[in-house]
Amino acid sequence: MFAYKIFIKDLFLDTIWEILYFPIWWYSRGFKKTAIFCWNRVNNGWKGLALSIFIKNFFKPMYGQHGWDAHILSLVIHFLQISWRLLLMAFWTLFWIFILILWMFLPIFVIWQLIF
């Protein structure tokens, strides 16, 4: 008789608990973990594109040359580099925000598709 109680508990009650607990986990700890993951990806994108280095060295001439033409050329090239990298960073950030929004609405969409 004891084995049947364990079987019923393990098979049915724990399964029901997992099904009922899933939405709570999805929108609390699961969302927090996903948000931290997305933030880390955005942060790694910033570091990978080296934007802070480009912004810090914006007014410094390239290759250590100090003529007026080197300053103007460096300023133009740094401006183009920063503009391009900021555009890439904007797309990268929007992609991870989309993933985070998708995480929020995916269970609702799946339930909607199952019903209809």
PDB file of N, CA and C in Angstrom:
ATOM      1  N   MET A   1       0.817  -1.191   0.000  1.00  0.00           N
ATOM      2  CA  MET A   1       0.000   0.000   0.000  1.00  0.00           C
ATOM      3  C   MET A   1       0.864   1.260   0.000  1.00  0.00           C
ATOM      4  N   PHE A   2       1.989   1.201   0.750  1.00  0.00           N
ATOM      5  CA  PHE A   2       2.888   2.346   0.835  1.00  0.00           C
ATOM      6  C   PHE A   2       3.494   2.691  -0.525  1.00  0.00           C
ATOM      7  N   ALA A   3       3.809   1.659  -1.319  1.00  0.00           N
ATOM      8  CA  ALA A   3       4.394   1.884  -2.642  1.00  0.00           C
ATOM      9  C   ALA A   3       3.411   2.595  -3.555  1.00  0.00           C
ATOM     10  N   TYR A   4       2.138   2.287  -3.421  1.00  0.00           N
ATOM     11  CA  TYR A   4       1.137   2.956  -4.254  1.00  0.00           C
ATOM     12  C   TYR A   4       1.007   4.431  -3.895  1.00  0.00           C
ATOM     13  N   LYS A   5       1.140   4.765  -2.610  1.00  0.00           N
ATOM     14  CA  LYS A   5       1.066   6.162  -2.195  1.00  0.00           C
ATOM     15  C   LYS A   5       2.231   6.960  -2.770  1.00  0.00           C
ATOM     16  N   ILE A   6       3.405   6.382  -2.737  1.00  0.00           N
ATOM     17  CA  ILE A   6       4.581   7.053  -3.312  1.00  0.00           C
ATOM     18  C   ILE A   6       4.410   7.201  -4.820  1.00  0.00           C
ATOM     19  N   PHE A   7       3.893   6.146  -5.460  1.00  0.00           N
ATOM     20  CA  PHE A   7       3.668   6.194  -6.903  1.00  0.00           C
ATOM     21  C   PHE A   7       2.662   7.278  -7.260  1.00  0.00           C
ATOM     22  N   ILE A   8       1.571   7.348  -6.527  1.00  0.00           N
ATOM     23  CA  ILE A   8       0.544   8.359  -6.790  1.00  0.00           C
ATOM     24  C   ILE A   8       1.108   9.752  -6.540  1.00  0.00           C
ATOM     25  N   LYS A   9       1.861   9.910  -5.444  1.00  0.00           N
ATOM     26  CA  LYS A   9       2.438  11.215  -5.133  1.00  0.00           C
ATOM     27  C   LYS A   9       3.425  11.633  -6.221  1.00  0.00           C
ATOM     28  N   ASP A  10       4.341  10.743  -6.564  1.00  0.00           N
ATOM     29  CA  ASP A  10       5.361  11.090  -7.545  1.00  0.00           C
ATOM     30  C   ASP A  10       4.783  11.319  -8.927  1.00  0.00           C
ATOM     31  N   LEU A  11       3.849  10.514  -9.308  1.00  0.00           N
ATOM     32  CA  LEU A  11       3.346  10.596 -10.668  1.00  0.00           C
ATOM     33  C   LEU A  11       2.306  11.701 -10.838  1.00  0.00           C
ATOM     34  N   PHE A  12       1.388  11.775  -9.948  1.00  0.00           N
ATOM     35  CA  PHE A  12       0.261  12.680 -10.157  1.00  0.00           C
ATOM     36  C   PHE A  12       0.406  14.003  -9.421  1.00  0.00           C
ATOM     37  N   LEU A  13       0.660  13.959  -8.141  1.00  0.00           N
ATOM     38  CA  LEU A  13       0.678  15.196  -7.368  1.00  0.00           C
ATOM     39  C   LEU A  13       1.854  16.093  -7.736  1.00  0.00           C
ATOM     40  N   ASP A  14       3.023  15.492  -7.905  1.00  0.00           N
ATOM     41  CA  ASP A  14       4.185  16.304  -8.305  1.00  0.00           C
ATOM     42  C   ASP A  14       4.024  16.859  -9.716  1.00  0.00           C
ATOM     43  N   THR A  15       3.428  16.091 -10.593  1.00  0.00           N
ATOM     44  CA  THR A  15       3.187  16.562 -11.955  1.00  0.00           C
ATOM     45  C   THR A  15       2.193  17.716 -11.961  1.00  0.00           C
ATOM     46  N   ILE A  16       1.132  17.583 -11.182  1.00  0.00           N
ATOM     47  CA  ILE A  16       0.154  18.665 -11.080  1.00  0.00           C
ATOM     48  C   ILE A  16       0.808  19.905 -10.482  1.00  0.00           C
ATOM     49  N   TRP A  17       1.636  19.727  -9.452  1.00  0.00           N
ATOM     50  CA  TRP A  17       2.325  20.859  -8.845  1.00  0.00           C
ATOM     51  C   TRP A  17       3.241  21.549  -9.851  1.00  0.00           C
ATOM     52  N   GLU A  18       3.978  20.781 -10.636  1.00  0.00           N
ATOM     53  CA  GLU A  18       4.868  21.364 -11.642  1.00  0.00           C
ATOM     54  C   GLU A  18       4.091  22.142 -12.695  1.00  0.00           C
ATOM     55  N   ILE A  19       2.950  21.625 -13.089  1.00  0.00           N
ATOM     56  CA  ILE A  19       2.131  22.320 -14.091  1.00  0.00           C
ATOM     57  C   ILE A  19       1.584  23.620 -13.515  1.00  0.00           C
ATOM     58  N   LEU A  20       1.143  23.592 -12.271  1.00  0.00           N
ATOM     59  CA  LEU A  20       0.606  24.804 -11.654  1.00  0.00           C
ATOM     60  C   LEU A  20       1.696  25.817 -11.301  1.00  0.00           C
ATOM     61  N   TYR A  21       2.895  25.341 -10.977  1.00  0.00           N
ATOM     62  CA  TYR A  21       3.986  26.230 -10.586  1.00  0.00           C
ATOM     63  C   TYR A  21       4.681  26.851 -11.794  1.00  0.00           C
ATOM     64  N   PHE A  22       4.552  26.245 -12.964  1.00  0.00           N
ATOM     65  CA  PHE A  22       5.271  26.708 -14.147  1.00  0.00           C
ATOM     66  C   PHE A  22       5.031  28.181 -14.478  1.00  0.00           C
ATOM     67  N   PRO A  23       3.782  28.681 -14.523  1.00  0.00           N
ATOM     68  CA  PRO A  23       3.598  30.106 -14.844  1.00  0.00           C
ATOM     69  C   PRO A  23       4.215  31.036 -13.798  1.00  0.00           C
ATOM     70  N   ILE A  24       4.161  30.618 -12.547  1.00  0.00           N
ATOM     71  CA  ILE A  24       4.766  31.440 -11.488  1.00  0.00           C
ATOM     72  C   ILE A  24       6.272  31.525 -11.714  1.00  0.00           C
ATOM     73  N   TRP A  25       6.901  30.389 -12.006  1.00  0.00           N
ATOM     74  CA  TRP A  25       8.345  30.393 -12.248  1.00  0.00           C
ATOM     75  C   TRP A  25       8.669  31.190 -13.514  1.00  0.00           C
ATOM     76  N   TRP A  26       7.884  30.999 -14.577  1.00  0.00           N
ATOM     77  CA  TRP A  26       8.164  31.634 -15.869  1.00  0.00           C
ATOM     78  C   TRP A  26       8.216  33.151 -15.762  1.00  0.00           C
ATOM     79  N   TYR A  27       7.264  33.715 -14.978  1.00  0.00           N
ATOM     80  CA  TYR A  27       7.179  35.171 -14.883  1.00  0.00           C
ATOM     81  C   TYR A  27       7.894  35.737 -13.659  1.00  0.00           C
ATOM     82  N   SER A  28       8.561  34.925 -12.859  1.00  0.00           N
ATOM     83  CA  SER A  28       9.315  35.455 -11.721  1.00  0.00           C
ATOM     84  C   SER A  28      10.798  35.124 -11.894  1.00  0.00           C
ATOM     85  N   ARG A  29      11.217  33.971 -11.417  1.00  0.00           N
ATOM     86  CA  ARG A  29      12.640  33.629 -11.491  1.00  0.00           C
ATOM     87  C   ARG A  29      13.111  33.400 -12.925  1.00  0.00           C
ATOM     88  N   GLY A  30      12.266  32.790 -13.739  1.00  0.00           N
ATOM     89  CA  GLY A  30      12.642  32.565 -15.137  1.00  0.00           C
ATOM     90  C   GLY A  30      12.833  33.870 -15.885  1.00  0.00           C
ATOM     91  N   PHE A  31      11.923  34.825 -15.654  1.00  0.00           N
ATOM     92  CA  PHE A  31      12.047  36.133 -16.308  1.00  0.00           C
ATOM     93  C   PHE A  31      13.289  36.868 -15.809  1.00  0.00           C
ATOM     94  N   LYS A  32      13.556  36.765 -14.507  1.00  0.00           N
ATOM     95  CA  LYS A  32      14.749  37.428 -13.953  1.00  0.00           C
ATOM     96  C   LYS A  32      16.012  36.855 -14.580  1.00  0.00           C
ATOM     97  N   LYS A  33      16.091  35.530 -14.683  1.00  0.00           N
ATOM     98  CA  LYS A  33      17.266  34.910 -15.295  1.00  0.00           C
ATOM     99  C   LYS A  33      17.403  35.308 -16.764  1.00  0.00           C
ATOM    100  N   THR A  34      16.297  35.366 -17.464  1.00  0.00           N
ATOM    101  CA  THR A  34      16.333  35.756 -18.872  1.00  0.00           C
ATOM    102  C   THR A  34      16.729  37.219 -19.032  1.00  0.00           C
ATOM    103  N   ALA A  35      16.219  38.080 -18.154  1.00  0.00           N
ATOM    104  CA  ALA A  35      16.581  39.506 -18.221  1.00  0.00           C
ATOM    105  C   ALA A  35      18.068  39.699 -17.933  1.00  0.00           C
ATOM    106  N   ILE A  36      18.590  38.990 -16.959  1.00  0.00           N
ATOM    107  CA  ILE A  36      20.026  39.086 -16.660  1.00  0.00           C
ATOM    108  C   ILE A  36      20.847  38.565 -17.840  1.00  0.00           C
ATOM    109  N   PHE A  37      20.410  37.466 -18.449  1.00  0.00           N
ATOM    110  CA  PHE A  37      21.096  36.914 -19.614  1.00  0.00           C
ATOM    111  C   PHE A  37      21.116  37.922 -20.765  1.00  0.00           C
ATOM    112  N   CYS A  38      19.952  38.543 -21.038  1.00  0.00           N
ATOM    113  CA  CYS A  38      19.878  39.528 -22.122  1.00  0.00           C
ATOM    114  C   CYS A  38      20.740  40.747 -21.814  1.00  0.00           C
ATOM    115  N   TRP A  39      20.736  41.213 -20.558  1.00  0.00           N
ATOM    116  CA  TRP A  39      21.571  42.347 -20.175  1.00  0.00           C
ATOM    117  C   TRP A  39      23.045  42.018 -20.365  1.00  0.00           C
ATOM    118  N   ASN A  40      23.451  40.805 -19.986  1.00  0.00           N
ATOM    119  CA  ASN A  40      24.845  40.400 -20.166  1.00  0.00           C
ATOM    120  C   ASN A  40      25.213  40.349 -21.645  1.00  0.00           C
ATOM    121  N   ARG A  41      24.295  39.918 -22.486  1.00  0.00           N
ATOM    122  CA  ARG A  41      24.559  39.893 -23.926  1.00  0.00           C
ATOM    123  C   ARG A  41      24.725  41.310 -24.481  1.00  0.00           C
ATOM    124  N   VAL A  42      23.873  42.228 -24.040  1.00  0.00           N
ATOM    125  CA  VAL A  42      23.997  43.621 -24.489  1.00  0.00           C
ATOM    126  C   VAL A  42      25.313  44.210 -23.999  1.00  0.00           C
ATOM    127  N   ASN A  43      25.651  43.926 -22.752  1.00  0.00           N
ATOM    128  CA  ASN A  43      26.904  44.416 -22.181  1.00  0.00           C
ATOM    129  C   ASN A  43      28.108  43.830 -22.922  1.00  0.00           C
ATOM    130  N   ASN A  44      28.061  42.549 -23.262  1.00  0.00           N
ATOM    131  CA  ASN A  44      29.148  41.940 -24.031  1.00  0.00           C
ATOM    132  C   ASN A  44      29.230  42.532 -25.439  1.00  0.00           C
ATOM    133  N   GLY A  45      28.091  42.907 -26.000  1.00  0.00           N
ATOM    134  CA  GLY A  45      28.106  43.571 -27.305  1.00  0.00           C
ATOM    135  C   GLY A  45      28.802  44.920 -27.235  1.00  0.00           C
ATOM    136  N   TRP A  46      28.545  45.669 -26.154  1.00  0.00           N
ATOM    137  CA  TRP A  46      29.208  46.959 -25.957  1.00  0.00           C
ATOM    138  C   TRP A  46      30.718  46.765 -25.858  1.00  0.00           C
ATOM    139  N   LYS A  47      31.121  45.764 -25.083  1.00  0.00           N
ATOM    140  CA  LYS A  47      32.557  45.497 -24.929  1.00  0.00           C
ATOM    141  C   LYS A  47      33.168  44.963 -26.226  1.00  0.00           C
ATOM    142  N   GLY A  48      32.425  44.120 -26.918  1.00  0.00           N
ATOM    143  CA  GLY A  48      32.932  43.543 -28.165  1.00  0.00           C
ATOM    144  C   GLY A  48      33.117  44.583 -29.260  1.00  0.00           C
ATOM    145  N   LEU A  49      32.242  45.573 -29.287  1.00  0.00           N
ATOM    146  CA  LEU A  49      32.380  46.642 -30.274  1.00  0.00           C
ATOM    147  C   LEU A  49      33.368  47.722 -29.823  1.00  0.00           C
ATOM    148  N   ALA A  50      33.846  47.621 -28.593  1.00  0.00           N
ATOM    149  CA  ALA A  50      34.842  48.540 -28.024  1.00  0.00           C
ATOM    150  C   ALA A  50      34.391  49.991 -28.101  1.00  0.00           C
ATOM    151  N   LEU A  51      33.134  50.222 -27.828  1.00  0.00           N
ATOM    152  CA  LEU A  51      32.600  51.578 -27.934  1.00  0.00           C
ATOM    153  C   LEU A  51      33.186  52.512 -26.891  1.00  0.00           C
ATOM    154  N   SER A  52      33.409  52.033 -25.689  1.00  0.00           N
ATOM    155  CA  SER A  52      33.972  52.917 -24.664  1.00  0.00           C
ATOM    156  C   SER A  52      35.392  53.353 -25.031  1.00  0.00           C
ATOM    157  N   ILE A  53      36.139  52.483 -25.683  1.00  0.00           N
ATOM    158  CA  ILE A  53      37.495  52.845 -26.109  1.00  0.00           C
ATOM    159  C   ILE A  53      37.442  53.886 -27.228  1.00  0.00           C
ATOM    160  N   PHE A  54      36.535  53.704 -28.181  1.00  0.00           N
ATOM    161  CA  PHE A  54      36.410  54.672 -29.268  1.00  0.00           C
ATOM    162  C   PHE A  54      35.945  56.034 -28.753  1.00  0.00           C
ATOM    163  N   ILE A  55      35.006  56.026 -27.814  1.00  0.00           N
ATOM    164  CA  ILE A  55      34.511  57.296 -27.272  1.00  0.00           C
ATOM    165  C   ILE A  55      35.597  57.984 -26.459  1.00  0.00           C
ATOM    166  N   LYS A  56      36.370  57.206 -25.697  1.00  0.00           N
ATOM    167  CA  LYS A  56      37.438  57.783 -24.885  1.00  0.00           C
ATOM    168  C   LYS A  56      38.530  58.399 -25.764  1.00  0.00           C
ATOM    169  N   ASN A  57      38.815  57.789 -26.904  1.00  0.00           N
ATOM    170  CA  ASN A  57      39.896  58.248 -27.778  1.00  0.00           C
ATOM    171  C   ASN A  57      39.383  59.061 -28.964  1.00  0.00           C
ATOM    172  N   PHE A  58      38.215  59.662 -28.835  1.00  0.00           N
ATOM    173  CA  PHE A  58      37.608  60.362 -29.963  1.00  0.00           C
ATOM    174  C   PHE A  58      38.470  61.518 -30.469  1.00  0.00           C
ATOM    175  N   PHE A  59      39.043  62.320 -29.585  1.00  0.00           N
ATOM    176  CA  PHE A  59      39.810  63.495 -30.007  1.00  0.00           C
ATOM    177  C   PHE A  59      41.313  63.239 -30.090  1.00  0.00           C
ATOM    178  N   LYS A  60      41.739  62.022 -29.895  1.00  0.00           N
ATOM    179  CA  LYS A  60      43.166  61.700 -30.009  1.00  0.00           C
ATOM    180  C   LYS A  60      43.473  61.301 -31.450  1.00  0.00           C
ATOM    181  N   PRO A  61      44.576  61.802 -32.005  1.00  0.00           N
ATOM    182  CA  PRO A  61      44.907  61.457 -33.399  1.00  0.00           C
ATOM    183  C   PRO A  61      45.365  60.002 -33.512  1.00  0.00           C
ATOM    184  N   MET A  62      45.089  59.421 -34.671  1.00  0.00           N
ATOM    185  CA  MET A  62      45.502  58.041 -34.912  1.00  0.00           C
ATOM    186  C   MET A  62      46.994  57.995 -35.223  1.00  0.00           C
ATOM    187  N   TYR A  63      47.606  56.896 -34.871  1.00  0.00           N
ATOM    188  CA  TYR A  63      48.998  56.583 -35.185  1.00  0.00           C
ATOM    189  C   TYR A  63      49.986  57.580 -34.590  1.00  0.00           C
ATOM    190  N   GLY A  64      49.564  58.346 -33.598  1.00  0.00           N
ATOM    191  CA  GLY A  64      50.474  59.254 -32.906  1.00  0.00           C
ATOM    192  C   GLY A  64      50.928  60.446 -33.719  1.00  0.00           C
ATOM    193  N   GLN A  65      50.294  60.740 -34.829  1.00  0.00           N
ATOM    194  CA  GLN A  65      50.658  61.905 -35.632  1.00  0.00           C
ATOM    195  C   GLN A  65      49.925  63.119 -35.094  1.00  0.00           C
ATOM    196  N   HIS A  66      50.609  64.268 -35.066  1.00  0.00           N
ATOM    197  CA  HIS A  66      50.039  65.449 -34.442  1.00  0.00           C
ATOM    198  C   HIS A  66      49.873  66.628 -35.395  1.00  0.00           C
ATOM    199  N   GLY A  67      49.837  66.382 -36.684  1.00  0.00           N
ATOM    200  CA  GLY A  67      49.586  67.460 -37.636  1.00  0.00           C
ATOM    201  C   GLY A  67      48.092  67.770 -37.703  1.00  0.00           C
ATOM    202  N   TRP A  68      47.760  68.944 -38.257  1.00  0.00           N
ATOM    203  CA  TRP A  68      46.353  69.327 -38.326  1.00  0.00           C
ATOM    204  C   TRP A  68      45.566  68.393 -39.226  1.00  0.00           C
ATOM    205  N   ASP A  69      46.214  67.902 -40.307  1.00  0.00           N
ATOM    206  CA  ASP A  69      45.522  66.970 -41.198  1.00  0.00           C
ATOM    207  C   ASP A  69      45.280  65.621 -40.522  1.00  0.00           C
ATOM    208  N   ALA A  70      46.201  65.202 -39.674  1.00  0.00           N
ATOM    209  CA  ALA A  70      46.008  63.952 -38.933  1.00  0.00           C
ATOM    210  C   ALA A  70      44.862  64.087 -37.927  1.00  0.00           C
ATOM    211  N   HIS A  71      44.750  65.255 -37.300  1.00  0.00           N
ATOM    212  CA  HIS A  71      43.651  65.484 -36.364  1.00  0.00           C
ATOM    213  C   HIS A  71      42.298  65.456 -37.081  1.00  0.00           C
ATOM    214  N   ILE A  72      42.207  66.106 -38.227  1.00  0.00           N
ATOM    215  CA  ILE A  72      40.945  66.145 -38.968  1.00  0.00           C
ATOM    216  C   ILE A  72      40.580  64.753 -39.485  1.00  0.00           C
ATOM    217  N   LEU A  73      41.558  64.066 -40.059  1.00  0.00           N
ATOM    218  CA  LEU A  73      41.302  62.714 -40.559  1.00  0.00           C
ATOM    219  C   LEU A  73      40.892  61.779 -39.425  1.00  0.00           C
ATOM    220  N   SER A  74      41.569  61.860 -38.301  1.00  0.00           N
ATOM    221  CA  SER A  74      41.225  61.016 -37.153  1.00  0.00           C
ATOM    222  C   SER A  74      39.832  61.328 -36.631  1.00  0.00           C
ATOM    223  N   LEU A  75      39.496  62.615 -36.596  1.00  0.00           N
ATOM    224  CA  LEU A  75      38.173  63.008 -36.126  1.00  0.00           C
ATOM    225  C   LEU A  75      37.082  62.440 -37.035  1.00  0.00           C
ATOM    226  N   VAL A  76      37.293  62.513 -38.353  1.00  0.00           N
ATOM    227  CA  VAL A  76      36.304  61.985 -39.291  1.00  0.00           C
ATOM    228  C   VAL A  76      36.197  60.467 -39.171  1.00  0.00           C
ATOM    229  N   ILE A  77      37.325  59.795 -39.138  1.00  0.00           N
ATOM    230  CA  ILE A  77      37.317  58.329 -39.048  1.00  0.00           C
ATOM    231  C   ILE A  77      36.712  57.864 -37.732  1.00  0.00           C
ATOM    232  N   HIS A  78      37.079  58.523 -36.628  1.00  0.00           N
ATOM    233  CA  HIS A  78      36.488  58.151 -35.336  1.00  0.00           C
ATOM    234  C   HIS A  78      34.981  58.395 -35.329  1.00  0.00           C
ATOM    235  N   PHE A  79      34.546  59.490 -35.933  1.00  0.00           N
ATOM    236  CA  PHE A  79      33.107  59.767 -36.003  1.00  0.00           C
ATOM    237  C   PHE A  79      32.377  58.678 -36.792  1.00  0.00           C
ATOM    238  N   LEU A  80      32.943  58.277 -37.934  1.00  0.00           N
ATOM    239  CA  LEU A  80      32.321  57.223 -38.732  1.00  0.00           C
ATOM    240  C   LEU A  80      32.310  55.891 -37.989  1.00  0.00           C
ATOM    241  N   GLN A  81      33.421  55.582 -37.339  1.00  0.00           N
ATOM    242  CA  GLN A  81      33.503  54.329 -36.571  1.00  0.00           C
ATOM    243  C   GLN A  81      32.486  54.307 -35.433  1.00  0.00           C
ATOM    244  N   ILE A  82      32.409  55.386 -34.686  1.00  0.00           N
ATOM    245  CA  ILE A  82      31.478  55.439 -33.559  1.00  0.00           C
ATOM    246  C   ILE A  82      30.038  55.397 -34.056  1.00  0.00           C
ATOM    247  N   SER A  83      29.747  56.105 -35.145  1.00  0.00           N
ATOM    248  CA  SER A  83      28.387  56.085 -35.692  1.00  0.00           C
ATOM    249  C   SER A  83      27.990  54.680 -36.122  1.00  0.00           C
ATOM    250  N   TRP A  84      28.866  54.010 -36.838  1.00  0.00           N
ATOM    251  CA  TRP A  84      28.578  52.663 -37.309  1.00  0.00           C
ATOM    252  C   TRP A  84      28.414  51.702 -36.136  1.00  0.00           C
ATOM    253  N   ARG A  85      29.309  51.779 -35.172  1.00  0.00           N
ATOM    254  CA  ARG A  85      29.244  50.871 -34.033  1.00  0.00           C
ATOM    255  C   ARG A  85      28.039  51.153 -33.148  1.00  0.00           C
ATOM    256  N   LEU A  86      27.647  52.420 -33.018  1.00  0.00           N
ATOM    257  CA  LEU A  86      26.432  52.728 -32.262  1.00  0.00           C
ATOM    258  C   LEU A  86      25.192  52.195 -32.973  1.00  0.00           C
ATOM    259  N   LEU A  87      25.194  52.241 -34.301  1.00  0.00           N
ATOM    260  CA  LEU A  87      24.084  51.672 -35.056  1.00  0.00           C
ATOM    261  C   LEU A  87      24.014  50.156 -34.850  1.00  0.00           C
ATOM    262  N   LEU A  88      25.149  49.502 -34.929  1.00  0.00           N
ATOM    263  CA  LEU A  88      25.187  48.061 -34.665  1.00  0.00           C
ATOM    264  C   LEU A  88      24.729  47.756 -33.239  1.00  0.00           C
ATOM    265  N   MET A  89      25.162  48.571 -32.290  1.00  0.00           N
ATOM    266  CA  MET A  89      24.773  48.371 -30.897  1.00  0.00           C
ATOM    267  C   MET A  89      23.274  48.572 -30.705  1.00  0.00           C
ATOM    268  N   ALA A  90      22.696  49.517 -31.423  1.00  0.00           N
ATOM    269  CA  ALA A  90      21.247  49.742 -31.330  1.00  0.00           C
ATOM    270  C   ALA A  90      20.491  48.518 -31.843  1.00  0.00           C
ATOM    271  N   PHE A  91      20.916  47.961 -32.972  1.00  0.00           N
ATOM    272  CA  PHE A  91      20.273  46.753 -33.482  1.00  0.00           C
ATOM    273  C   PHE A  91      20.458  45.575 -32.535  1.00  0.00           C
ATOM    274  N   TRP A  92      21.659  45.446 -31.971  1.00  0.00           N
ATOM    275  CA  TRP A  92      21.950  44.366 -31.020  1.00  0.00           C
ATOM    276  C   TRP A  92      21.058  44.486 -29.784  1.00  0.00           C
ATOM    277  N   THR A  93      20.892  45.702 -29.267  1.00  0.00           N
ATOM    278  CA  THR A  93      20.048  45.927 -28.092  1.00  0.00           C
ATOM    279  C   THR A  93      18.585  45.655 -28.423  1.00  0.00           C
ATOM    280  N   LEU A  94      18.124  46.114 -29.569  1.00  0.00           N
ATOM    281  CA  LEU A  94      16.744  45.855 -29.974  1.00  0.00           C
ATOM    282  C   LEU A  94      16.474  44.366 -30.151  1.00  0.00           C
ATOM    283  N   PHE A  95      17.453  43.630 -30.654  1.00  0.00           N
ATOM    284  CA  PHE A  95      17.292  42.190 -30.798  1.00  0.00           C
ATOM    285  C   PHE A  95      17.080  41.522 -29.445  1.00  0.00           C
ATOM    286  N   TRP A  96      17.882  41.877 -28.442  1.00  0.00           N
ATOM    287  CA  TRP A  96      17.758  41.246 -27.130  1.00  0.00           C
ATOM    288  C   TRP A  96      16.518  41.741 -26.387  1.00  0.00           C
ATOM    289  N   ILE A  97      16.070  42.957 -26.652  1.00  0.00           N
ATOM    290  CA  ILE A  97      14.791  43.403 -26.082  1.00  0.00           C
ATOM    291  C   ILE A  97      13.650  42.596 -26.711  1.00  0.00           C
ATOM    292  N   PHE A  98      13.739  42.329 -28.008  1.00  0.00           N
ATOM    293  CA  PHE A  98      12.740  41.500 -28.671  1.00  0.00           C
ATOM    294  C   PHE A  98      12.721  40.097 -28.072  1.00  0.00           C
ATOM    295  N   ILE A  99      13.876  39.522 -27.799  1.00  0.00           N
ATOM    296  CA  ILE A  99      13.946  38.192 -27.184  1.00  0.00           C
ATOM    297  C   ILE A  99      13.282  38.219 -25.810  1.00  0.00           C
ATOM    298  N   LEU A 100      13.516  39.278 -25.039  1.00  0.00           N
ATOM    299  CA  LEU A 100      12.913  39.394 -23.715  1.00  0.00           C
ATOM    300  C   LEU A 100      11.391  39.530 -23.802  1.00  0.00           C
ATOM    301  N   ILE A 101      10.907  40.300 -24.755  1.00  0.00           N
ATOM    302  CA  ILE A 101       9.463  40.435 -24.951  1.00  0.00           C
ATOM    303  C   ILE A 101       8.873  39.106 -25.437  1.00  0.00           C
ATOM    304  N   LEU A 102       9.597  38.427 -26.306  1.00  0.00           N
ATOM    305  CA  LEU A 102       9.150  37.114 -26.768  1.00  0.00           C
ATOM    306  C   LEU A 102       9.040  36.145 -25.602  1.00  0.00           C
ATOM    307  N   TRP A 103       9.979  36.199 -24.665  1.00  0.00           N
ATOM    308  CA  TRP A 103       9.939  35.350 -23.466  1.00  0.00           C
ATOM    309  C   TRP A 103       8.650  35.597 -22.680  1.00  0.00           C
ATOM    310  N   MET A 104       8.239  36.856 -22.594  1.00  0.00           N
ATOM    311  CA  MET A 104       7.048  37.179 -21.819  1.00  0.00           C
ATOM    312  C   MET A 104       5.768  36.667 -22.488  1.00  0.00           C
ATOM    313  N   PHE A 105       5.690  36.767 -23.802  1.00  0.00           N
ATOM    314  CA  PHE A 105       4.441  36.448 -24.480  1.00  0.00           C
ATOM    315  C   PHE A 105       4.395  35.054 -25.080  1.00  0.00           C
ATOM    316  N   LEU A 106       5.476  34.301 -25.009  1.00  0.00           N
ATOM    317  CA  LEU A 106       5.498  32.964 -25.601  1.00  0.00           C
ATOM    318  C   LEU A 106       4.490  32.009 -24.962  1.00  0.00           C
ATOM    319  N   PRO A 107       4.375  31.915 -23.641  1.00  0.00           N
ATOM    320  CA  PRO A 107       3.367  30.995 -23.085  1.00  0.00           C
ATOM    321  C   PRO A 107       1.936  31.389 -23.457  1.00  0.00           C
ATOM    322  N   ILE A 108       1.664  32.685 -23.490  1.00  0.00           N
ATOM    323  CA  ILE A 108       0.324  33.142 -23.867  1.00  0.00           C
ATOM    324  C   ILE A 108       0.037  32.760 -25.323  1.00  0.00           C
ATOM    325  N   PHE A 109       1.022  32.942 -26.192  1.00  0.00           N
ATOM    326  CA  PHE A 109       0.861  32.578 -27.599  1.00  0.00           C
ATOM    327  C   PHE A 109       0.659  31.075 -27.766  1.00  0.00           C
ATOM    328  N   VAL A 110       1.399  30.275 -27.009  1.00  0.00           N
ATOM    329  CA  VAL A 110       1.269  28.813 -27.115  1.00  0.00           C
ATOM    330  C   VAL A 110      -0.115  28.370 -26.645  1.00  0.00           C
ATOM    331  N   ILE A 111      -0.576  28.916 -25.539  1.00  0.00           N
ATOM    332  CA  ILE A 111      -1.921  28.577 -25.049  1.00  0.00           C
ATOM    333  C   ILE A 111      -2.973  29.029 -26.050  1.00  0.00           C
ATOM    334  N   TRP A 112      -2.802  30.199 -26.618  1.00  0.00           N
ATOM    335  CA  TRP A 112      -3.740  30.694 -27.644  1.00  0.00           C
ATOM    336  C   TRP A 112      -3.790  29.738 -28.840  1.00  0.00           C
ATOM    337  N   GLN A 113      -2.634  29.274 -29.275  1.00  0.00           N
ATOM    338  CA  GLN A 113      -2.583  28.360 -30.412  1.00  0.00           C
ATOM    339  C   GLN A 113      -3.180  26.993 -30.070  1.00  0.00           C
ATOM    340  N   LEU A 114      -3.028  26.555 -28.834  1.00  0.00           N
ATOM    341  CA  LEU A 114      -3.620  25.283 -28.425  1.00  0.00           C
ATOM    342  C   LEU A 114      -5.139  25.364 -28.350  1.00  0.00           C
ATOM    343  N   ILE A 115      -5.647  26.511 -27.923  1.00  0.00           N
ATOM    344  CA  ILE A 115      -7.093  26.660 -27.816  1.00  0.00           C
ATOM    345  C   ILE A 115      -7.732  26.819 -29.188  1.00  0.00           C
ATOM    346  N   PHE A 116      -7.138  27.654 -30.021  1.00  0.00           N
ATOM    347  CA  PHE A 116      -7.738  27.910 -31.333  1.00  0.00           C
ATOM    348  C   PHE A 116      -6.939  27.182 -32.377  1.00  0.00           C
TER     349      PHE A 116
END
